[in-house]
PDB file of all heavy atoms in Angstrom:
ATOM      1  N   PHE A   1       3.402 -56.501 -62.559  1.00  0.00           N
ATOM      2  CA  PHE A   1       4.387 -55.886 -63.420  1.00  0.00           C
ATOM      3  C   PHE A   1       4.042 -54.332 -63.468  1.00  0.00           C
ATOM      4  O   PHE A   1       2.904 -53.983 -63.744  1.00  0.00           O
ATOM      5  CB  PHE A   1       4.357 -56.408 -64.815  1.00  0.00           C
ATOM      6  CG  PHE A   1       5.387 -55.868 -65.816  1.00  0.00           C
ATOM      7  CD1 PHE A   1       6.725 -56.221 -65.570  1.00  0.00           C
ATOM      8  CD2 PHE A   1       4.949 -55.026 -66.797  1.00  0.00           C
ATOM      9  CE1 PHE A   1       7.675 -55.762 -66.469  1.00  0.00           C
ATOM     10  CE2 PHE A   1       5.985 -54.534 -67.689  1.00  0.00           C
ATOM     11  CZ  PHE A   1       7.367 -54.915 -67.527  1.00  0.00           C
ATOM     12  N   ASN A   2       5.027 -53.497 -63.273  1.00  0.00           N
ATOM     13  CA  ASN A   2       4.870 -52.056 -63.198  1.00  0.00           C
ATOM     14  C   ASN A   2       5.202 -51.402 -64.536  1.00  0.00           C
ATOM     15  O   ASN A   2       6.415 -51.258 -64.924  1.00  0.00           O
ATOM     16  CB  ASN A   2       5.721 -51.536 -62.046  1.00  0.00           C
ATOM     17  CG  ASN A   2       5.509 -50.072 -61.791  1.00  0.00           C
ATOM     18  OD1 ASN A   2       4.861 -49.325 -62.625  1.00  0.00           O
ATOM     19  ND2 ASN A   2       6.008 -49.532 -60.726  1.00  0.00           N
ATOM     20  N   THR A   3       4.236 -51.021 -65.308  1.00  0.00           N
ATOM     21  CA  THR A   3       4.463 -50.403 -66.595  1.00  0.00           C
ATOM     22  C   THR A   3       5.138 -49.087 -66.523  1.00  0.00           C
ATOM     23  O   THR A   3       5.808 -48.642 -67.499  1.00  0.00           O
ATOM     24  CB  THR A   3       3.225 -50.254 -67.451  1.00  0.00           C
ATOM     25  OG1 THR A   3       2.247 -49.547 -66.672  1.00  0.00           O
ATOM     26  CG2 THR A   3       2.662 -51.680 -67.735  1.00  0.00           C
ATOM     27  N   LYS A   4       4.982 -48.383 -65.421  1.00  0.00           N
ATOM     28  CA  LYS A   4       5.701 -47.032 -65.236  1.00  0.00           C
ATOM     29  C   LYS A   4       7.138 -47.227 -64.876  1.00  0.00           C
ATOM     30  O   LYS A   4       7.927 -46.249 -65.105  1.00  0.00           O
ATOM     31  CB  LYS A   4       4.912 -46.239 -64.144  1.00  0.00           C
ATOM     32  CG  LYS A   4       3.466 -45.923 -64.503  1.00  0.00           C
ATOM     33  CD  LYS A   4       2.807 -45.061 -63.453  1.00  0.00           C
ATOM     34  CE  LYS A   4       1.438 -44.647 -63.865  1.00  0.00           C
ATOM     35  NZ  LYS A   4       0.774 -43.809 -62.801  1.00  0.00           N
ATOM     36  N   ASP A   5       7.457 -48.299 -64.352  1.00  0.00           N
ATOM     37  CA  ASP A   5       8.890 -48.629 -63.982  1.00  0.00           C
ATOM     38  C   ASP A   5       9.169 -50.043 -64.339  1.00  0.00           C
ATOM     39  O   ASP A   5       9.409 -50.869 -63.450  1.00  0.00           O
ATOM     40  CB  ASP A   5       9.169 -48.249 -62.476  1.00  0.00           C
ATOM     41  CG  ASP A   5      10.579 -48.469 -62.114  1.00  0.00           C
ATOM     42  OD1 ASP A   5      11.422 -48.524 -62.992  1.00  0.00           O
ATOM     43  OD2 ASP A   5      10.866 -48.477 -60.912  1.00  0.00           O
ATOM     44  N   PRO A   6       9.186 -50.440 -65.596  1.00  0.00           N
ATOM     45  CA  PRO A   6       9.349 -51.767 -66.060  1.00  0.00           C
ATOM     46  C   PRO A   6      10.610 -52.468 -65.657  1.00  0.00           C
ATOM     47  O   PRO A   6      10.621 -53.637 -65.285  1.00  0.00           O
ATOM     48  CB  PRO A   6       9.193 -51.783 -67.510  1.00  0.00           C
ATOM     49  CG  PRO A   6       9.447 -50.396 -67.884  1.00  0.00           C
ATOM     50  CD  PRO A   6       9.002 -49.495 -66.771  1.00  0.00           C
ATOM     51  N   TRP A   7      11.704 -51.653 -65.488  1.00  0.00           N
ATOM     52  CA  TRP A   7      12.982 -52.226 -65.175  1.00  0.00           C
ATOM     53  C   TRP A   7      13.083 -52.629 -63.722  1.00  0.00           C
ATOM     54  O   TRP A   7      14.057 -53.296 -63.322  1.00  0.00           O
ATOM     55  CB  TRP A   7      14.158 -51.227 -65.480  1.00  0.00           C
ATOM     56  CG  TRP A   7      14.314 -51.154 -66.950  1.00  0.00           C
ATOM     57  CD1 TRP A   7      13.927 -50.245 -67.871  1.00  0.00           C
ATOM     58  CD2 TRP A   7      15.045 -52.125 -67.776  1.00  0.00           C
ATOM     59  NE1 TRP A   7      14.248 -50.535 -69.110  1.00  0.00           N
ATOM     60  CE2 TRP A   7      14.942 -51.709 -69.178  1.00  0.00           C
ATOM     61  CE3 TRP A   7      15.681 -53.323 -67.527  1.00  0.00           C
ATOM     62  CZ2 TRP A   7      15.507 -52.464 -70.135  1.00  0.00           C
ATOM     63  CZ3 TRP A   7      16.256 -54.058 -68.569  1.00  0.00           C
ATOM     64  CH2 TRP A   7      16.122 -53.601 -69.894  1.00  0.00           C
ATOM     65  N   LYS A   8      12.132 -52.202 -62.900  1.00  0.00           N
ATOM     66  CA  LYS A   8      12.099 -52.633 -61.511  1.00  0.00           C
ATOM     67  C   LYS A   8      11.989 -54.127 -61.385  1.00  0.00           C
ATOM     68  O   LYS A   8      12.558 -54.670 -60.449  1.00  0.00           O
ATOM     69  CB  LYS A   8      10.874 -52.027 -60.792  1.00  0.00           C
ATOM     70  CG  LYS A   8      10.845 -52.206 -59.315  1.00  0.00           C
ATOM     71  CD  LYS A   8       9.686 -51.457 -58.748  1.00  0.00           C
ATOM     72  CE  LYS A   8       9.628 -51.701 -57.147  1.00  0.00           C
ATOM     73  NZ  LYS A   8       8.518 -50.911 -56.592  1.00  0.00           N
ATOM     74  N   PHE A   9      11.294 -54.753 -62.381  1.00  0.00           N
ATOM     75  CA  PHE A   9      11.206 -56.234 -62.324  1.00  0.00           C
ATOM     76  C   PHE A   9      12.566 -56.905 -62.372  1.00  0.00           C
ATOM     77  O   PHE A   9      12.804 -57.823 -61.651  1.00  0.00           O
ATOM     78  CB  PHE A   9      10.256 -56.670 -63.514  1.00  0.00           C
ATOM     79  CG  PHE A   9      10.176 -58.169 -63.652  1.00  0.00           C
ATOM     80  CD1 PHE A   9       9.385 -58.958 -62.840  1.00  0.00           C
ATOM     81  CD2 PHE A   9      10.897 -58.835 -64.633  1.00  0.00           C
ATOM     82  CE1 PHE A   9       9.293 -60.307 -62.951  1.00  0.00           C
ATOM     83  CE2 PHE A   9      10.877 -60.246 -64.762  1.00  0.00           C
ATOM     84  CZ  PHE A   9      10.056 -60.964 -63.921  1.00  0.00           C
ATOM     85  N   CYS A  10      13.386 -56.432 -63.386  1.00  0.00           N
ATOM     86  CA  CYS A  10      14.647 -57.079 -63.517  1.00  0.00           C
ATOM     87  C   CYS A  10      15.669 -56.712 -62.373  1.00  0.00           C
ATOM     88  O   CYS A  10      16.463 -57.504 -61.929  1.00  0.00           O
ATOM     89  CB  CYS A  10      15.332 -56.686 -64.852  1.00  0.00           C
ATOM     90  SG  CYS A  10      14.548 -57.304 -66.341  1.00  0.00           S
ATOM     91  N   SER A  11      15.550 -55.457 -61.929  1.00  0.00           N
ATOM     92  CA  SER A  11      16.483 -54.988 -60.954  1.00  0.00           C
ATOM     93  C   SER A  11      16.299 -55.651 -59.624  1.00  0.00           C
ATOM     94  O   SER A  11      17.308 -55.745 -58.868  1.00  0.00           O
ATOM     95  CB  SER A  11      16.195 -53.465 -60.709  1.00  0.00           C
ATOM     96  OG  SER A  11      16.481 -52.741 -61.883  1.00  0.00           O
ATOM     97  N   LYS A  12      15.235 -56.227 -59.356  1.00  0.00           N
ATOM     98  CA  LYS A  12      15.028 -57.012 -57.996  1.00  0.00           C
ATOM     99  C   LYS A  12      15.630 -58.378 -58.045  1.00  0.00           C
ATOM    100  O   LYS A  12      15.673 -59.027 -57.056  1.00  0.00           O
ATOM    101  CB  LYS A  12      13.550 -57.017 -57.682  1.00  0.00           C
ATOM    102  CG  LYS A  12      12.743 -57.924 -58.549  1.00  0.00           C
ATOM    103  CD  LYS A  12      11.274 -57.873 -58.105  1.00  0.00           C
ATOM    104  CE  LYS A  12      10.460 -58.937 -58.973  1.00  0.00           C
ATOM    105  NZ  LYS A  12       8.987 -58.887 -58.632  1.00  0.00           N
ATOM    106  N   LEU A  13      16.057 -58.795 -59.225  1.00  0.00           N
ATOM    107  CA  LEU A  13      16.567 -60.159 -59.430  1.00  0.00           C
ATOM    108  C   LEU A  13      18.094 -60.075 -59.206  1.00  0.00           C
ATOM    109  O   LEU A  13      18.754 -59.022 -59.326  1.00  0.00           O
ATOM    110  CB  LEU A  13      16.283 -60.738 -60.810  1.00  0.00           C
ATOM    111  CG  LEU A  13      14.819 -60.913 -61.229  1.00  0.00           C
ATOM    112  CD1 LEU A  13      14.719 -61.319 -62.616  1.00  0.00           C
ATOM    113  CD2 LEU A  13      14.148 -61.860 -60.335  1.00  0.00           C
ATOM    114  N   ASP A  14      18.680 -61.241 -58.858  1.00  0.00           N
ATOM    115  CA  ASP A  14      20.106 -61.317 -58.708  1.00  0.00           C
ATOM    116  C   ASP A  14      20.864 -60.959 -59.978  1.00  0.00           C
ATOM    117  O   ASP A  14      20.289 -61.175 -61.135  1.00  0.00           O
ATOM    118  CB  ASP A  14      20.562 -62.723 -58.240  1.00  0.00           C
ATOM    119  CG  ASP A  14      20.175 -63.070 -56.938  1.00  0.00           C
ATOM    120  OD1 ASP A  14      19.782 -62.151 -56.118  1.00  0.00           O
ATOM    121  OD2 ASP A  14      20.191 -64.262 -56.477  1.00  0.00           O
ATOM    122  N   ASN A  15      22.073 -60.412 -59.902  1.00  0.00           N
ATOM    123  CA  ASN A  15      22.809 -60.063 -61.084  1.00  0.00           C
ATOM    124  C   ASN A  15      22.978 -61.177 -62.163  1.00  0.00           C
ATOM    125  O   ASN A  15      22.980 -60.784 -63.355  1.00  0.00           O
ATOM    126  CB  ASN A  15      24.149 -59.546 -60.710  1.00  0.00           C
ATOM    127  CG  ASN A  15      24.179 -58.163 -60.022  1.00  0.00           C
ATOM    128  OD1 ASN A  15      23.199 -57.423 -60.134  1.00  0.00           O
ATOM    129  ND2 ASN A  15      25.209 -57.848 -59.152  1.00  0.00           N
ATOM    130  N   ALA A  16      22.998 -62.313 -61.763  1.00  0.00           N
ATOM    131  CA  ALA A  16      23.242 -63.420 -62.714  1.00  0.00           C
ATOM    132  C   ALA A  16      22.031 -63.550 -63.665  1.00  0.00           C
ATOM    133  O   ALA A  16      22.282 -64.040 -64.816  1.00  0.00           O
ATOM    134  CB  ALA A  16      23.362 -64.719 -61.953  1.00  0.00           C
ATOM    135  N   TYR A  17      20.883 -63.001 -63.330  1.00  0.00           N
ATOM    136  CA  TYR A  17      19.731 -63.222 -64.161  1.00  0.00           C
ATOM    137  C   TYR A  17      19.341 -61.988 -64.966  1.00  0.00           C
ATOM    138  O   TYR A  17      18.422 -61.973 -65.739  1.00  0.00           O
ATOM    139  CB  TYR A  17      18.570 -63.588 -63.280  1.00  0.00           C
ATOM    140  CG  TYR A  17      18.777 -64.650 -62.269  1.00  0.00           C
ATOM    141  CD1 TYR A  17      18.429 -64.495 -60.899  1.00  0.00           C
ATOM    142  CD2 TYR A  17      19.292 -65.895 -62.557  1.00  0.00           C
ATOM    143  CE1 TYR A  17      18.576 -65.432 -59.899  1.00  0.00           C
ATOM    144  CE2 TYR A  17      19.544 -66.911 -61.657  1.00  0.00           C
ATOM    145  CZ  TYR A  17      19.200 -66.708 -60.311  1.00  0.00           C
ATOM    146  OH  TYR A  17      19.367 -67.656 -59.416  1.00  0.00           O
ATOM    147  N   GLN A  18      20.058 -60.923 -64.816  1.00  0.00           N
ATOM    148  CA  GLN A  18      19.778 -59.614 -65.333  1.00  0.00           C
ATOM    149  C   GLN A  18      19.753 -59.643 -66.831  1.00  0.00           C
ATOM    150  O   GLN A  18      18.817 -59.082 -67.437  1.00  0.00           O
ATOM    151  CB  GLN A  18      20.802 -58.538 -64.881  1.00  0.00           C
ATOM    152  CG  GLN A  18      20.785 -58.291 -63.371  1.00  0.00           C
ATOM    153  CD  GLN A  18      19.675 -57.428 -62.982  1.00  0.00           C
ATOM    154  OE1 GLN A  18      19.392 -56.395 -63.564  1.00  0.00           O
ATOM    155  NE2 GLN A  18      18.979 -57.789 -61.887  1.00  0.00           N
ATOM    156  N   LYS A  19      20.701 -60.332 -67.530  1.00  0.00           N
ATOM    157  CA  LYS A  19      20.845 -60.247 -68.972  1.00  0.00           C
ATOM    158  C   LYS A  19      19.620 -61.026 -69.648  1.00  0.00           C
ATOM    159  O   LYS A  19      18.989 -60.558 -70.626  1.00  0.00           O
ATOM    160  CB  LYS A  19      22.039 -60.838 -69.451  1.00  0.00           C
ATOM    161  CG  LYS A  19      23.332 -60.037 -69.097  1.00  0.00           C
ATOM    162  CD  LYS A  19      24.585 -60.652 -69.657  1.00  0.00           C
ATOM    163  CE  LYS A  19      25.796 -59.880 -69.265  1.00  0.00           C
ATOM    164  NZ  LYS A  19      26.999 -60.560 -69.691  1.00  0.00           N
ATOM    165  N   LYS A  20      19.320 -62.158 -69.041  1.00  0.00           N
ATOM    166  CA  LYS A  20      18.190 -62.875 -69.594  1.00  0.00           C
ATOM    167  C   LYS A  20      16.815 -62.102 -69.362  1.00  0.00           C
ATOM    168  O   LYS A  20      15.933 -62.080 -70.206  1.00  0.00           O
ATOM    169  CB  LYS A  20      17.952 -64.267 -68.855  1.00  0.00           C
ATOM    170  CG  LYS A  20      18.912 -65.348 -69.372  1.00  0.00           C
ATOM    171  CD  LYS A  20      18.692 -65.772 -70.795  1.00  0.00           C
ATOM    172  CE  LYS A  20      19.614 -66.857 -71.257  1.00  0.00           C
ATOM    173  NZ  LYS A  20      19.469 -67.184 -72.667  1.00  0.00           N
ATOM    174  N   CYS A  21      16.757 -61.454 -68.238  1.00  0.00           N
ATOM    175  CA  CYS A  21      15.567 -60.676 -67.980  1.00  0.00           C
ATOM    176  C   CYS A  21      15.484 -59.501 -68.955  1.00  0.00           C
ATOM    177  O   CYS A  21      14.318 -59.320 -69.442  1.00  0.00           O
ATOM    178  CB  CYS A  21      15.647 -60.095 -66.539  1.00  0.00           C
ATOM    179  SG  CYS A  21      14.127 -59.271 -65.986  1.00  0.00           S
ATOM    180  N   ALA A  22      16.537 -58.890 -69.271  1.00  0.00           N
ATOM    181  CA  ALA A  22      16.553 -57.784 -70.216  1.00  0.00           C
ATOM    182  C   ALA A  22      16.074 -58.194 -71.595  1.00  0.00           C
ATOM    183  O   ALA A  22      15.437 -57.448 -72.371  1.00  0.00           O
ATOM    184  CB  ALA A  22      17.856 -57.165 -70.302  1.00  0.00           C
ATOM    185  N   SER A  23      16.395 -59.483 -71.914  1.00  0.00           N
ATOM    186  CA  SER A  23      15.985 -60.028 -73.194  1.00  0.00           C
ATOM    187  C   SER A  23      14.460 -60.243 -73.331  1.00  0.00           C
ATOM    188  O   SER A  23      13.929 -60.400 -74.415  1.00  0.00           O
ATOM    189  CB  SER A  23      16.716 -61.320 -73.590  1.00  0.00           C
ATOM    190  OG  SER A  23      18.115 -60.991 -73.586  1.00  0.00           O
ATOM    191  N   TYR A  24      13.835 -60.347 -72.162  1.00  0.00           N
ATOM    192  CA  TYR A  24      12.366 -60.686 -72.144  1.00  0.00           C
ATOM    193  C   TYR A  24      11.508 -59.479 -71.709  1.00  0.00           C
ATOM    194  O   TYR A  24      10.268 -59.668 -71.657  1.00  0.00           O
ATOM    195  CB  TYR A  24      12.091 -61.940 -71.360  1.00  0.00           C
ATOM    196  CG  TYR A  24      12.483 -63.207 -72.040  1.00  0.00           C
ATOM    197  CD1 TYR A  24      13.722 -63.857 -71.983  1.00  0.00           C
ATOM    198  CD2 TYR A  24      11.545 -63.750 -72.986  1.00  0.00           C
ATOM    199  CE1 TYR A  24      13.979 -64.987 -72.678  1.00  0.00           C
ATOM    200  CE2 TYR A  24      11.771 -64.918 -73.699  1.00  0.00           C
ATOM    201  CZ  TYR A  24      13.016 -65.497 -73.503  1.00  0.00           C
ATOM    202  OH  TYR A  24      13.260 -66.645 -74.265  1.00  0.00           O
ATOM    203  N   ILE A  25      12.104 -58.428 -71.202  1.00  0.00           N
ATOM    204  CA  ILE A  25      11.296 -57.392 -70.543  1.00  0.00           C
ATOM    205  C   ILE A  25      10.396 -56.741 -71.569  1.00  0.00           C
ATOM    206  O   ILE A  25       9.204 -56.389 -71.230  1.00  0.00           O
ATOM    207  CB  ILE A  25      12.199 -56.404 -69.865  1.00  0.00           C
ATOM    208  CG1 ILE A  25      11.390 -55.404 -68.956  1.00  0.00           C
ATOM    209  CG2 ILE A  25      13.005 -55.538 -70.913  1.00  0.00           C
ATOM    210  CD1 ILE A  25      12.192 -54.557 -68.061  1.00  0.00           C
ATOM    211  N   SER A  26      10.723 -56.642 -72.814  1.00  0.00           N
ATOM    212  CA  SER A  26       9.851 -56.048 -73.794  1.00  0.00           C
ATOM    213  C   SER A  26       8.615 -56.897 -74.023  1.00  0.00           C
ATOM    214  O   SER A  26       7.513 -56.475 -74.252  1.00  0.00           O
ATOM    215  CB  SER A  26      10.593 -55.783 -75.177  1.00  0.00           C
ATOM    216  OG  SER A  26      11.473 -54.777 -74.925  1.00  0.00           O
ATOM    217  N   PHE A  27       8.759 -58.175 -73.892  1.00  0.00           N
ATOM    218  CA  PHE A  27       7.692 -59.136 -74.098  1.00  0.00           C
ATOM    219  C   PHE A  27       6.679 -58.988 -73.041  1.00  0.00           C
ATOM    220  O   PHE A  27       5.440 -58.952 -73.257  1.00  0.00           O
ATOM    221  CB  PHE A  27       8.268 -60.560 -74.160  1.00  0.00           C
ATOM    222  CG  PHE A  27       7.288 -61.672 -74.624  1.00  0.00           C
ATOM    223  CD1 PHE A  27       6.245 -61.322 -75.468  1.00  0.00           C
ATOM    224  CD2 PHE A  27       7.284 -62.934 -74.024  1.00  0.00           C
ATOM    225  CE1 PHE A  27       5.287 -62.321 -75.856  1.00  0.00           C
ATOM    226  CE2 PHE A  27       6.372 -63.871 -74.355  1.00  0.00           C
ATOM    227  CZ  PHE A  27       5.368 -63.583 -75.327  1.00  0.00           C
ATOM    228  N   MET A  28       7.116 -58.704 -71.795  1.00  0.00           N
ATOM    229  CA  MET A  28       6.298 -58.477 -70.721  1.00  0.00           C
ATOM    230  C   MET A  28       5.530 -57.121 -70.845  1.00  0.00           C
ATOM    231  O   MET A  28       4.316 -57.083 -70.653  1.00  0.00           O
ATOM    232  CB  MET A  28       6.988 -58.458 -69.297  1.00  0.00           C
ATOM    233  CG  MET A  28       7.309 -59.877 -68.871  1.00  0.00           C
ATOM    234  SD  MET A  28       8.022 -59.729 -67.152  1.00  0.00           S
ATOM    235  CE  MET A  28       9.734 -59.575 -67.620  1.00  0.00           C
ATOM    236  N   TYR A  29       6.342 -56.174 -71.208  1.00  0.00           N
ATOM    237  CA  TYR A  29       5.789 -54.789 -71.518  1.00  0.00           C
ATOM    238  C   TYR A  29       4.645 -54.849 -72.576  1.00  0.00           C
ATOM    239  O   TYR A  29       3.671 -54.146 -72.391  1.00  0.00           O
ATOM    240  CB  TYR A  29       6.924 -53.921 -71.968  1.00  0.00           C
ATOM    241  CG  TYR A  29       6.680 -52.389 -71.891  1.00  0.00           C
ATOM    242  CD1 TYR A  29       6.361 -51.839 -70.580  1.00  0.00           C
ATOM    243  CD2 TYR A  29       6.848 -51.585 -72.920  1.00  0.00           C
ATOM    244  CE1 TYR A  29       6.186 -50.427 -70.532  1.00  0.00           C
ATOM    245  CE2 TYR A  29       6.748 -50.226 -72.813  1.00  0.00           C
ATOM    246  CZ  TYR A  29       6.358 -49.687 -71.622  1.00  0.00           C
ATOM    247  OH  TYR A  29       6.228 -48.350 -71.460  1.00  0.00           O
ATOM    248  N   LEU A  30       4.843 -55.709 -73.626  1.00  0.00           N
ATOM    249  CA  LEU A  30       3.873 -55.787 -74.691  1.00  0.00           C
ATOM    250  C   LEU A  30       2.493 -56.242 -74.223  1.00  0.00           C
ATOM    251  O   LEU A  30       1.517 -56.011 -74.872  1.00  0.00           O
ATOM    252  CB  LEU A  30       4.440 -56.656 -75.768  1.00  0.00           C
ATOM    253  CG  LEU A  30       3.636 -56.860 -77.034  1.00  0.00           C
ATOM    254  CD1 LEU A  30       3.533 -55.468 -77.792  1.00  0.00           C
ATOM    255  CD2 LEU A  30       4.287 -57.803 -77.985  1.00  0.00           C
ATOM    256  N   LYS A  31       2.423 -56.992 -73.129  1.00  0.00           N
ATOM    257  CA  LYS A  31       1.204 -57.508 -72.583  1.00  0.00           C
ATOM    258  C   LYS A  31       0.388 -56.421 -72.052  1.00  0.00           C
ATOM    259  O   LYS A  31      -0.860 -56.567 -71.810  1.00  0.00           O
ATOM    260  CB  LYS A  31       1.518 -58.553 -71.540  1.00  0.00           C
ATOM    261  CG  LYS A  31       2.254 -59.834 -72.091  1.00  0.00           C
ATOM    262  CD  LYS A  31       2.476 -60.802 -70.973  1.00  0.00           C
ATOM    263  CE  LYS A  31       1.182 -61.614 -70.653  1.00  0.00           C
ATOM    264  NZ  LYS A  31       0.791 -62.500 -71.711  1.00  0.00           N
ATOM    265  N   TYR A  32       0.941 -55.216 -71.752  1.00  0.00           N
ATOM    266  CA  TYR A  32       0.192 -54.205 -71.063  1.00  0.00           C
ATOM    267  C   TYR A  32       0.215 -52.859 -71.937  1.00  0.00           C
ATOM    268  O   TYR A  32      -0.649 -51.998 -71.649  1.00  0.00           O
ATOM    269  CB  TYR A  32       0.795 -53.910 -69.706  1.00  0.00           C
ATOM    270  CG  TYR A  32       0.881 -55.104 -68.830  1.00  0.00           C
ATOM    271  CD1 TYR A  32       1.991 -55.868 -68.765  1.00  0.00           C
ATOM    272  CD2 TYR A  32      -0.315 -55.534 -68.135  1.00  0.00           C
ATOM    273  CE1 TYR A  32       2.011 -57.065 -67.907  1.00  0.00           C
ATOM    274  CE2 TYR A  32      -0.248 -56.654 -67.353  1.00  0.00           C
ATOM    275  CZ  TYR A  32       0.899 -57.394 -67.265  1.00  0.00           C
ATOM    276  OH  TYR A  32       0.904 -58.585 -66.522  1.00  0.00           O
ATOM    277  N   VAL A  33       1.174 -52.776 -72.843  1.00  0.00           N
ATOM    278  CA  VAL A  33       1.370 -51.486 -73.545  1.00  0.00           C
ATOM    279  C   VAL A  33       1.308 -51.791 -75.053  1.00  0.00           C
ATOM    280  O   VAL A  33       2.100 -52.622 -75.533  1.00  0.00           O
ATOM    281  CB  VAL A  33       2.622 -50.766 -73.165  1.00  0.00           C
ATOM    282  CG1 VAL A  33       2.837 -49.435 -74.025  1.00  0.00           C
ATOM    283  CG2 VAL A  33       2.707 -50.493 -71.704  1.00  0.00           C
TER     284      VAL A  33
END
């Protein structure tokens, strides 16, 4: 997980999964920041 570019994680996934990913990205970010 790249804390300098956290949205890179979601962006590499297919469009169908983007919304779910956006709902959890802060949770991932919290593990490092």
